[in-house]
Amino acid sequence: MNTPTPYRYERLAELIVGMIDNGALAPGTRLPSVRAVSEQHRISISTALQAYRLLEDRGILVARPQSGYYVAASRRGALALPSASRARTKASTVSISGAVAALLEHASNPALVPLGCAVPDAALLQSKRLDLALARAARQHGTRYNIYCAPQGDPHLRREIAKRAMRFGHAQSPDDLLVTSGCTEALTLALTAVAKRGDTIAVESPTYFGLLHTLEMLGMKAFELPTDPTRGIDVGALARLLDMEPVAACALSSNFNNPLGSTMAEADKRALLALLARHAVPLIEDDVYGDIHFGRERPKPFIALDGGANTIYCSSFSKSLAPGYRIGWIAAGAYAQQVMERKLAFSLCCPVLPQVALADFLASGAYDTHLRGIRRLFEENLARMMRTIEASFPADTKVSRPAGGFVLWLELPRRFDSRALFDEALEQGICFAPGDVFSASRRFRNCLRLSAGHVWNDRIENGVHRLGRLAQAQLAR
């Protein structure tokens, strides 16, 4: 099976991106009308509009009411996108626990410039209203909630989560959901429900180091799939893998992969789901960044396209609202019984008070107002970080362009060593995430991830500038 041929709207979008990159379309330039583009390229108006909206979702174009589409002013295009990762020939035994522990220890040190972990700044989240709801629940009904709740979690919270799922096209009952201690527990429950020690799990490459750490602790292997910085995994490569060797499950980000920021097009998601269904391989999806989208509409997760027949959906509020509350959830579909049994064994249930407070917060509509604010802040942070990288890192640095989330992935020349830079940066009071922790085979040593999840200020900007100068100095040696 070959890589799916791009749809006509995707080909048009790639043409526009190429014109922006080579300077033919400068920032602020107004693009031809949808009708004019459809006539020029002999495509339907709906296809032309789909291409424009795709680029708007990626932050490349901006729509102005009654005026049309324009090249985004924040996009300077001086730095190329990172390379698509190469295919691996076999699964890897994961061994990154020591590196992850060291990174987390440094990332939690407030004395260091916080570019390391993808945890949003409490000052930026401004969760005071949620905290007040927690205090009110404790004051008014503290005794009632000082109990074990049902293993599935608070019914009110599950209803609110189910109502939100309707917005992205997934109709589910609150009874289909189980509240977890963050997305990490949800992923652990899912993996242990469908796979056993020694099994192979197909993952993106690079992928979130927390997933790799979980695979290591469970004794599972990771097969790293080639992944494009914009379009996500290569479905053709996954097809070839499934034809060659057994895979227990596929574990992927729904949207805005950490660290690349890539999002698969809906057509590619459907192709992947059809492929997995033919091979009877379950999909475990992590959608923690789905709510932090910069485009007009939230990209659909896999479960909204599959209905849950072959997909286990995992998410949490840790990236968008309340990392300290540790509230996540899982919709396990056909694996619900296995997941429930493991939940009872691992943690029995989650604390009640945070669930009650969060349910009230969601029901009030405050979460939607909150999301509009942080989406704007994170998008601005990424634009500022991109400009600072362009001004201070080596000219041949490649940088991702995510349309959601709050991390950037940087690729430098092959001879660059992000591990050596990590040690130097710590001495300079700066923490970031070196690239090799995002790979089971410890690839991407010439890459790094920067988090833009904190309030942008002189300290953050100066930290990125100094990091860029250190990178330049290393390559000059």
Protein backbone atom coordinates (compact mmCIF):
# COMPACT_ATOMS: atom_id res chain seq x y z
CA MET A 1 0.00 0.00 0.00
CA ASN A 2 1.40 3.41 -0.96
CA THR A 3 0.99 6.69 0.86
CA PRO A 4 -2.50 8.07 0.05
CA THR A 5 -2.53 10.58 -2.82
CA PRO A 6 -3.27 14.09 -1.51
CA TYR A 7 -6.81 15.33 -2.13
CA ARG A 8 -7.26 18.28 -4.51
CA TYR A 9 -7.76 20.73 -1.68
CA GLU A 10 -4.52 19.48 -0.07
CA ARG A 11 -2.62 19.94 -3.34
CA LEU A 12 -3.92 23.51 -3.57
CA ALA A 13 -2.96 24.13 0.06
CA GLU A 14 0.58 22.82 -0.60
CA LEU A 15 0.87 25.11 -3.64
CA ILE A 16 -0.08 28.15 -1.55
CA VAL A 17 2.39 27.17 1.21
CA GLY A 18 5.13 26.86 -1.40
CA MET A 19 4.35 30.35 -2.72
CA ILE A 20 4.53 31.73 0.82
CA ASP A 21 7.82 29.97 1.54
CA ASN A 22 9.49 31.25 -1.63
CA GLY A 23 8.30 34.82 -1.07
CA ALA A 24 5.71 34.99 -3.85
CA LEU A 25 3.03 35.66 -1.20
CA ALA A 26 4.26 38.00 1.51
CA PRO A 27 2.73 38.28 5.02
CA GLY A 28 -0.44 40.38 4.87
CA THR A 29 -1.07 39.64 1.18
CA ARG A 30 -4.73 39.16 0.25
CA LEU A 31 -5.34 35.91 -1.61
CA PRO A 32 -7.66 35.69 -4.64
CA SER A 33 -11.32 35.08 -3.81
CA VAL A 34 -12.57 31.53 -3.43
CA ARG A 35 -14.50 31.89 -6.69
CA ALA A 36 -11.44 33.18 -8.55
CA VAL A 37 -9.28 30.32 -7.28
CA SER A 38 -11.91 27.75 -8.23
CA GLU A 39 -12.03 29.11 -11.79
CA GLN A 40 -8.25 29.40 -12.10
CA HIS A 41 -7.57 25.84 -10.93
CA ARG A 42 -10.75 24.31 -12.36
CA ILE A 43 -11.95 23.04 -9.03
CA SER A 44 -15.23 23.46 -7.17
CA ILE A 45 -15.80 26.42 -4.88
CA SER A 46 -16.16 24.02 -1.94
CA THR A 47 -12.74 22.47 -2.71
CA ALA A 48 -11.10 25.91 -2.86
CA LEU A 49 -12.80 26.90 0.40
CA GLN A 50 -11.64 23.66 2.03
CA ALA A 51 -8.02 24.46 1.10
CA TYR A 52 -8.27 27.98 2.53
CA ARG A 53 -9.84 26.72 5.74
CA LEU A 54 -7.18 24.05 6.13
CA LEU A 55 -4.48 26.73 5.95
CA GLU A 56 -6.46 28.91 8.32
CA ASP A 57 -6.56 26.03 10.81
CA ARG A 58 -2.78 25.74 10.53
CA GLY A 59 -2.32 29.44 11.22
CA ILE A 60 -0.94 30.09 7.73
CA LEU A 61 -3.90 32.19 6.56
CA VAL A 62 -6.27 34.45 8.46
CA ALA A 63 -9.88 35.15 7.44
CA ARG A 64 -11.21 38.70 7.67
CA PRO A 65 -15.00 39.11 7.58
CA GLN A 66 -16.32 40.71 4.38
CA SER A 67 -12.75 40.95 3.08
CA GLY A 68 -11.30 37.50 2.34
CA TYR A 69 -8.24 35.44 3.24
CA TYR A 70 -4.77 36.88 3.95
CA VAL A 71 -1.32 35.45 4.60
CA ALA A 72 -0.83 35.50 8.37
CA ALA A 73 1.37 38.37 9.47
CA SER A 74 3.10 36.25 12.13
CA ARG A 75 4.39 33.76 9.55
CA ARG A 76 7.84 34.86 8.41
CA GLY A 77 8.72 31.63 6.63
CA ALA A 78 12.47 32.07 7.18
CA LEU A 79 12.88 28.60 8.69
CA ALA A 80 11.93 25.36 6.98
CA LEU A 81 9.79 22.62 8.49
CA PRO A 82 11.52 19.67 10.21
CA SER A 83 12.19 16.57 8.13
CA ALA A 84 9.75 13.67 8.12
CA SER A 85 11.18 10.88 10.27
CA ARG A 86 12.52 7.77 8.56
CA ALA A 87 11.02 4.30 8.78
CA ARG A 88 12.44 1.80 11.25
CA THR A 89 13.03 -1.84 10.36
CA LYS A 90 12.10 -3.35 13.72
CA ALA A 91 10.49 -2.60 17.06
CA SER A 92 12.63 -1.09 19.82
CA THR A 93 12.91 -2.04 23.47
CA VAL A 94 12.28 1.20 25.36
CA SER A 95 14.86 2.44 27.87
CA ILE A 96 14.39 6.11 28.64
CA SER A 97 13.25 6.14 32.29
CA GLY A 98 16.50 7.64 33.61
CA ALA A 99 16.51 10.43 31.05
CA VAL A 100 12.84 11.23 31.67
CA ALA A 101 13.32 11.34 35.46
CA ALA A 102 16.24 13.75 35.10
CA LEU A 103 14.31 15.99 32.70
CA LEU A 104 11.26 16.14 34.98
CA GLU A 105 13.43 16.97 37.98
CA HIS A 106 15.06 19.90 36.19
CA ALA A 107 11.80 21.04 34.59
CA SER A 108 10.19 21.42 38.03
CA ASN A 109 13.02 23.67 39.25
CA PRO A 110 11.63 27.25 39.36
CA ALA A 111 15.15 28.67 39.18
CA LEU A 112 15.47 27.51 35.57
CA VAL A 113 13.91 29.22 32.53
CA PRO A 114 10.91 26.87 31.95
CA LEU A 115 11.20 25.66 28.36
CA GLY A 116 11.31 21.98 29.31
CA CYS A 117 8.01 20.32 30.17
CA ALA A 118 4.71 20.78 28.34
CA VAL A 119 2.83 21.88 31.43
CA PRO A 120 0.94 25.18 31.18
CA ASP A 121 1.78 27.97 33.60
CA ALA A 122 -0.70 28.32 36.46
CA ALA A 123 -0.54 32.11 36.05
CA LEU A 124 -1.57 31.73 32.40
CA LEU A 125 -4.39 29.27 33.11
CA GLN A 126 -5.99 31.66 35.62
CA SER A 127 -8.04 28.88 37.23
CA LYS A 128 -9.28 31.00 40.13
CA ARG A 129 -12.94 30.40 39.28
CA LEU A 130 -12.36 26.64 39.27
CA ASP A 131 -10.56 26.84 42.60
CA LEU A 132 -13.48 28.78 44.05
CA ALA A 133 -15.83 26.02 42.92
CA LEU A 134 -13.62 23.49 44.70
CA ALA A 135 -13.60 25.56 47.90
CA ARG A 136 -17.38 26.00 47.76
CA ALA A 137 -17.97 22.27 47.32
CA ALA A 138 -15.66 21.50 50.24
CA ARG A 139 -17.29 24.12 52.46
CA GLN A 140 -20.89 23.19 51.69
CA HIS A 141 -20.68 19.42 51.19
CA GLY A 142 -17.24 18.38 52.39
CA THR A 143 -18.52 15.46 54.44
CA ARG A 144 -20.64 14.14 51.56
CA TYR A 145 -17.65 14.11 49.21
CA ASN A 146 -15.13 12.64 51.67
CA ILE A 147 -15.92 9.16 50.35
CA TYR A 148 -15.02 6.69 47.63
CA CYS A 149 -17.07 7.45 44.55
CA ALA A 150 -18.16 4.95 41.92
CA PRO A 151 -15.14 3.61 39.96
CA GLN A 152 -16.46 5.26 36.79
CA GLY A 153 -16.33 8.70 38.42
CA ASP A 154 -18.78 11.46 39.31
CA PRO A 155 -21.96 11.16 37.16
CA HIS A 156 -22.32 14.95 36.75
CA LEU A 157 -18.75 15.27 35.43
CA ARG A 158 -19.24 12.38 33.00
CA ARG A 159 -22.44 14.00 31.71
CA GLU A 160 -20.62 17.27 31.05
CA ILE A 161 -17.75 15.49 29.25
CA ALA A 162 -20.25 13.54 27.12
CA LYS A 163 -22.05 16.78 26.21
CA ARG A 164 -18.78 18.31 25.04
CA ALA A 165 -18.02 15.25 22.91
CA MET A 166 -21.20 15.97 20.94
CA ARG A 167 -19.58 19.17 19.68
CA PHE A 168 -16.96 17.28 17.71
CA GLY A 169 -19.38 14.70 16.42
CA HIS A 170 -19.07 11.86 18.92
CA ALA A 171 -22.35 10.81 20.50
CA GLN A 172 -21.70 8.85 23.65
CA SER A 173 -23.42 8.09 26.93
CA PRO A 174 -21.94 9.19 30.27
CA ASP A 175 -21.94 5.47 31.06
CA ASP A 176 -19.35 5.01 28.29
CA LEU A 177 -16.84 7.13 30.21
CA LEU A 178 -14.51 6.38 33.10
CA VAL A 179 -12.72 9.17 35.01
CA THR A 180 -8.97 8.66 35.45
CA SER A 181 -6.03 10.28 37.19
CA GLY A 182 -4.95 12.31 34.18
CA CYS A 183 -4.38 11.01 30.67
CA THR A 184 -1.39 8.97 31.86
CA GLU A 185 -3.60 6.59 33.80
CA ALA A 186 -6.04 6.45 30.88
CA LEU A 187 -3.24 5.39 28.51
CA THR A 188 -1.96 2.82 31.00
CA LEU A 189 -5.42 1.33 31.40
CA ALA A 190 -5.86 1.19 27.63
CA LEU A 191 -2.48 -0.40 26.95
CA THR A 192 -2.88 -3.08 29.59
CA ALA A 193 -6.40 -3.85 28.33
CA VAL A 194 -5.25 -4.65 24.78
CA ALA A 195 -1.61 -5.73 25.10
CA LYS A 196 0.73 -7.72 27.32
CA ARG A 197 4.42 -7.67 28.20
CA GLY A 198 6.59 -8.17 25.11
CA ASP A 199 3.93 -6.95 22.66
CA THR A 200 4.66 -4.30 20.02
CA ILE A 201 2.83 -0.95 19.98
CA ALA A 202 3.03 1.24 16.86
CA VAL A 203 3.71 4.91 17.73
CA GLU A 204 4.50 8.21 16.06
CA SER A 205 8.14 9.22 15.71
CA PRO A 206 8.93 11.43 17.51
CA THR A 207 6.31 10.84 20.18
CA TYR A 208 5.52 11.97 23.73
CA PHE A 209 8.15 10.65 26.15
CA GLY A 210 5.48 9.92 28.76
CA LEU A 211 3.97 7.30 26.45
CA LEU A 212 7.41 5.77 25.89
CA HIS A 213 8.05 5.71 29.63
CA THR A 214 4.73 3.90 30.17
CA LEU A 215 5.63 1.34 27.49
CA GLU A 216 8.97 0.75 29.18
CA MET A 217 7.37 0.16 32.58
CA LEU A 218 4.85 -2.25 31.02
CA GLY A 219 7.59 -4.16 29.19
CA MET A 220 6.16 -3.38 25.74
CA LYS A 221 8.11 -2.56 22.59
CA ALA A 222 7.63 0.49 20.37
CA PHE A 223 7.63 0.44 16.57
CA GLU A 224 8.36 4.00 15.44
CA LEU A 225 6.35 5.00 12.37
CA PRO A 226 7.65 7.64 9.93
CA THR A 227 5.85 10.88 10.75
CA ASP A 228 5.49 14.09 8.76
CA PRO A 229 5.65 17.38 10.74
CA THR A 230 2.37 18.54 9.20
CA ARG A 231 0.39 15.49 8.04
CA GLY A 232 1.30 13.01 10.78
CA ILE A 233 2.10 9.33 10.34
CA ASP A 234 2.64 7.60 7.02
CA VAL A 235 -0.38 5.30 6.61
CA GLY A 236 1.43 3.35 3.90
CA ALA A 237 4.31 2.57 6.27
CA LEU A 238 1.82 1.35 8.87
CA ALA A 239 0.20 -0.90 6.24
CA ARG A 240 3.57 -2.46 5.39
CA LEU A 241 4.28 -3.02 9.09
CA LEU A 242 0.95 -4.76 9.66
CA ASP A 243 1.62 -7.04 6.69
CA MET A 244 4.99 -8.07 8.14
CA GLU A 245 4.58 -8.59 11.87
CA PRO A 246 2.01 -8.65 14.67
CA VAL A 247 1.15 -5.35 16.34
CA ALA A 248 -0.98 -5.35 19.49
CA ALA A 249 -2.18 -1.74 19.15
CA CYS A 250 -1.49 1.63 17.60
CA ALA A 251 -1.07 4.56 20.06
CA LEU A 252 -1.35 7.99 18.43
CA SER A 253 -2.14 11.60 19.20
CA SER A 254 -5.57 12.71 17.98
CA ASN A 255 -4.43 16.24 17.16
CA PHE A 256 -1.32 18.40 17.55
CA ASN A 257 1.16 15.62 18.28
CA ASN A 258 3.61 16.29 21.08
CA PRO A 259 6.33 17.25 20.12
CA LEU A 260 5.80 17.84 16.35
CA GLY A 261 2.39 19.51 16.47
CA SER A 262 1.24 17.48 13.46
CA THR A 263 -2.42 16.67 12.77
CA MET A 264 -3.59 14.06 10.28
CA ALA A 265 -6.15 15.20 7.72
CA GLU A 266 -9.59 13.69 8.25
CA ALA A 267 -9.27 11.62 5.06
CA ASP A 268 -5.99 10.14 6.31
CA LYS A 269 -7.57 9.40 9.69
CA ARG A 270 -10.35 7.49 7.95
CA ALA A 271 -7.81 5.57 5.86
CA LEU A 272 -5.88 4.63 8.99
CA LEU A 273 -9.04 3.47 10.78
CA ALA A 274 -10.02 1.32 7.81
CA LEU A 275 -6.54 -0.20 7.73
CA LEU A 276 -6.58 -1.02 11.45
CA ALA A 277 -10.08 -2.50 11.14
CA ARG A 278 -8.92 -4.85 8.36
CA HIS A 279 -6.12 -6.11 10.60
CA ALA A 280 -8.25 -6.10 13.80
CA VAL A 281 -5.73 -3.81 15.54
CA PRO A 282 -7.15 -1.41 18.18
CA LEU A 283 -6.27 2.28 18.19
CA ILE A 284 -5.48 4.12 21.42
CA GLU A 285 -5.75 7.88 20.90
CA ASP A 286 -4.48 10.67 23.14
CA ASP A 287 -6.48 13.89 22.65
CA VAL A 288 -5.11 16.12 25.42
CA TYR A 289 -4.37 18.99 23.01
CA GLY A 290 -7.59 18.84 20.98
CA ASP A 291 -9.25 21.78 22.76
CA ILE A 292 -6.22 24.02 22.14
CA HIS A 293 -6.80 24.57 18.42
CA PHE A 294 -6.10 27.88 16.69
CA GLY A 295 -8.37 27.35 13.70
CA ARG A 296 -12.09 27.95 13.44
CA GLU A 297 -13.11 24.37 14.23
CA ARG A 298 -11.79 21.69 16.54
CA PRO A 299 -10.28 18.85 14.47
CA LYS A 300 -12.20 15.63 14.96
CA PRO A 301 -10.53 12.86 16.93
CA PHE A 302 -10.45 9.33 15.54
CA ILE A 303 -13.30 8.17 17.77
CA ALA A 304 -15.68 10.66 16.13
CA LEU A 305 -14.95 8.99 12.79
CA ASP A 306 -14.92 5.42 14.08
CA GLY A 307 -17.68 5.61 16.69
CA GLY A 308 -15.64 3.64 19.20
CA ALA A 309 -15.82 0.28 17.44
CA ASN A 310 -12.06 -0.02 17.23
CA THR A 311 -10.84 3.02 19.16
CA ILE A 312 -10.03 3.72 22.81
CA TYR A 313 -10.21 7.46 23.49
CA CYS A 314 -8.05 9.06 26.22
CA SER A 315 -7.93 12.71 27.28
CA SER A 316 -7.67 15.06 30.25
CA PHE A 317 -7.96 18.68 31.37
CA SER A 318 -4.27 18.83 32.32
CA LYS A 319 -3.10 20.83 29.28
CA SER A 320 -6.06 23.19 28.99
CA LEU A 321 -7.24 23.98 32.50
CA ALA A 322 -6.05 22.16 35.62
CA PRO A 323 -2.85 20.08 35.60
CA GLY A 324 -2.91 19.89 39.39
CA TYR A 325 -6.41 18.40 39.53
CA ARG A 326 -5.22 15.29 37.61
CA ILE A 327 -8.60 14.66 35.96
CA GLY A 328 -8.66 12.65 32.77
CA TRP A 329 -11.06 10.18 31.22
CA ILE A 330 -11.25 7.18 28.92
CA ALA A 331 -13.93 5.92 26.53
CA ALA A 332 -12.92 2.30 26.04
CA GLY A 333 -15.76 1.04 23.83
CA ALA A 334 -15.46 -2.71 23.32
CA TYR A 335 -12.72 -2.84 25.98
CA ALA A 336 -14.77 -1.17 28.73
CA GLN A 337 -14.92 -4.24 30.97
CA GLN A 338 -11.17 -4.86 30.82
CA VAL A 339 -10.49 -1.19 31.55
CA MET A 340 -12.90 -1.19 34.52
CA GLU A 341 -11.20 -4.26 36.02
CA ARG A 342 -7.81 -2.57 35.77
CA LYS A 343 -9.09 0.71 37.18
CA LEU A 344 -10.36 -1.16 40.26
CA ALA A 345 -6.99 -2.82 40.68
CA PHE A 346 -4.79 0.24 40.03
CA SER A 347 -6.55 3.07 41.89
CA LEU A 348 -10.15 2.04 42.68
CA CYS A 349 -11.49 5.55 42.01
CA CYS A 350 -10.44 9.20 41.71
CA PRO A 351 -10.86 11.93 44.38
CA VAL A 352 -14.42 13.26 44.44
CA LEU A 353 -14.04 16.97 45.27
CA PRO A 354 -12.00 17.94 42.17
CA GLN A 355 -14.51 16.11 39.97
CA VAL A 356 -17.48 17.95 41.52
CA ALA A 357 -15.76 21.32 41.15
CA LEU A 358 -14.82 20.66 37.53
CA ALA A 359 -18.35 19.49 36.68
CA ASP A 360 -19.77 22.76 38.04
CA PHE A 361 -17.16 24.75 36.11
CA LEU A 362 -18.05 23.01 32.84
CA ALA A 363 -21.81 23.35 33.39
CA SER A 364 -21.45 27.11 33.97
CA GLY A 365 -19.98 27.70 30.50
CA ALA A 366 -16.80 29.14 32.02
CA TYR A 367 -14.60 26.55 30.31
CA ASP A 368 -15.50 27.81 26.81
CA THR A 369 -14.66 31.39 27.78
CA HIS A 370 -11.41 30.15 29.31
CA LEU A 371 -10.49 28.19 26.16
CA ARG A 372 -10.95 31.20 23.89
CA GLY A 373 -8.49 33.10 26.03
CA ILE A 374 -5.76 30.49 26.29
CA ARG A 375 -5.96 29.58 22.59
CA ARG A 376 -5.15 33.20 21.77
CA LEU A 377 -2.37 33.34 24.39
CA PHE A 378 -0.73 30.09 23.27
CA GLU A 379 -0.89 31.10 19.61
CA GLU A 380 0.73 34.44 20.45
CA ASN A 381 3.37 32.70 22.57
CA LEU A 382 4.29 30.35 19.72
CA ALA A 383 4.52 33.27 17.27
CA ARG A 384 6.82 35.16 19.65
CA MET A 385 8.94 32.09 20.26
CA MET A 386 9.19 31.47 16.51
CA ARG A 387 10.41 35.04 15.92
CA THR A 388 12.97 34.69 18.72
CA ILE A 389 14.23 31.38 17.31
CA GLU A 390 14.59 32.93 13.85
CA ALA A 391 16.60 35.79 15.36
CA SER A 392 18.97 33.72 17.51
CA PHE A 393 19.30 30.09 16.36
CA PRO A 394 21.47 28.94 13.42
CA ALA A 395 20.02 29.94 10.05
CA ASP A 396 19.54 26.30 8.96
CA THR A 397 17.40 25.44 11.99
CA LYS A 398 14.08 23.83 11.06
CA VAL A 399 10.98 24.51 13.18
CA SER A 400 7.50 23.01 13.36
CA ARG A 401 4.41 25.14 12.70
CA PRO A 402 1.65 23.65 14.87
CA ALA A 403 -1.96 24.79 14.52
CA GLY A 404 -2.62 24.05 18.18
CA GLY A 405 -0.98 23.19 21.48
CA PHE A 406 1.99 25.11 22.84
CA VAL A 407 5.24 23.33 21.89
CA LEU A 408 7.76 23.74 19.06
CA TRP A 409 10.05 21.06 17.63
CA LEU A 410 13.44 22.24 16.37
CA GLU A 411 15.74 20.28 14.05
CA LEU A 412 19.38 21.32 13.65
CA PRO A 413 22.16 19.89 11.44
CA ARG A 414 23.11 16.23 11.94
CA ARG A 415 26.31 17.04 13.83
CA PHE A 416 24.39 19.00 16.47
CA ASP A 417 24.09 17.35 19.90
CA SER A 418 21.07 18.45 21.96
CA ARG A 419 22.33 16.38 24.92
CA ALA A 420 25.51 18.44 25.09
CA LEU A 421 23.41 21.61 24.71
CA PHE A 422 21.13 20.42 27.54
CA ASP A 423 24.08 20.22 29.97
CA GLU A 424 25.36 23.64 28.90
CA ALA A 425 21.90 25.19 29.15
CA LEU A 426 21.39 23.93 32.70
CA GLU A 427 24.60 25.68 33.72
CA GLN A 428 23.13 28.86 32.17
CA GLY A 429 19.84 28.42 34.08
CA ILE A 430 17.75 27.14 31.16
CA CYS A 431 15.78 23.91 30.84
CA PHE A 432 14.45 22.42 27.59
CA ALA A 433 13.67 18.90 26.35
CA PRO A 434 16.43 17.21 24.29
CA GLY A 435 15.19 15.30 21.26
CA ASP A 436 16.33 11.79 22.17
CA VAL A 437 13.71 11.38 24.94
CA PHE A 438 11.01 11.42 22.26
CA SER A 439 12.28 8.22 20.63
CA ALA A 440 12.39 4.61 21.82
CA SER A 441 15.55 4.11 19.74
CA ARG A 442 17.02 7.38 21.10
CA ARG A 443 16.98 9.10 17.72
CA PHE A 444 16.60 12.87 17.19
CA ARG A 445 19.73 13.82 19.13
CA ASN A 446 20.03 16.79 16.76
CA CYS A 447 16.52 17.98 17.74
CA LEU A 448 14.88 19.61 20.76
CA ARG A 449 11.46 20.66 21.99
CA LEU A 450 10.64 24.04 23.48
CA SER A 451 7.50 24.70 25.50
CA ALA A 452 5.65 28.02 25.16
CA GLY A 453 3.23 27.26 27.97
CA HIS A 454 4.35 30.05 30.30
CA VAL A 455 3.55 33.75 30.36
CA TRP A 456 5.78 35.36 27.74
CA ASN A 457 8.15 37.84 29.36
CA ASP A 458 11.74 39.08 29.14
CA ARG A 459 13.01 36.08 31.09
CA ILE A 460 11.52 33.61 28.61
CA GLU A 461 12.60 35.61 25.57
CA ASN A 462 16.16 36.05 26.88
CA GLY A 463 16.30 32.33 27.67
CA VAL A 464 15.44 31.41 24.07
CA HIS A 465 17.98 33.95 22.78
CA ARG A 466 20.73 32.52 25.00
CA LEU A 467 19.83 28.98 24.01
CA GLY A 468 20.13 29.95 20.35
CA ARG A 469 23.55 31.48 20.92
CA LEU A 470 24.70 28.30 22.72
CA ALA A 471 23.51 26.23 19.74
CA GLN A 472 25.39 28.47 17.34
CA ALA A 473 28.54 28.23 19.44
CA GLN A 474 28.35 24.42 19.51
CA LEU A 475 28.05 24.19 15.73
CA ALA A 476 30.94 26.66 15.29
CA ARG A 477 33.32 24.50 17.33
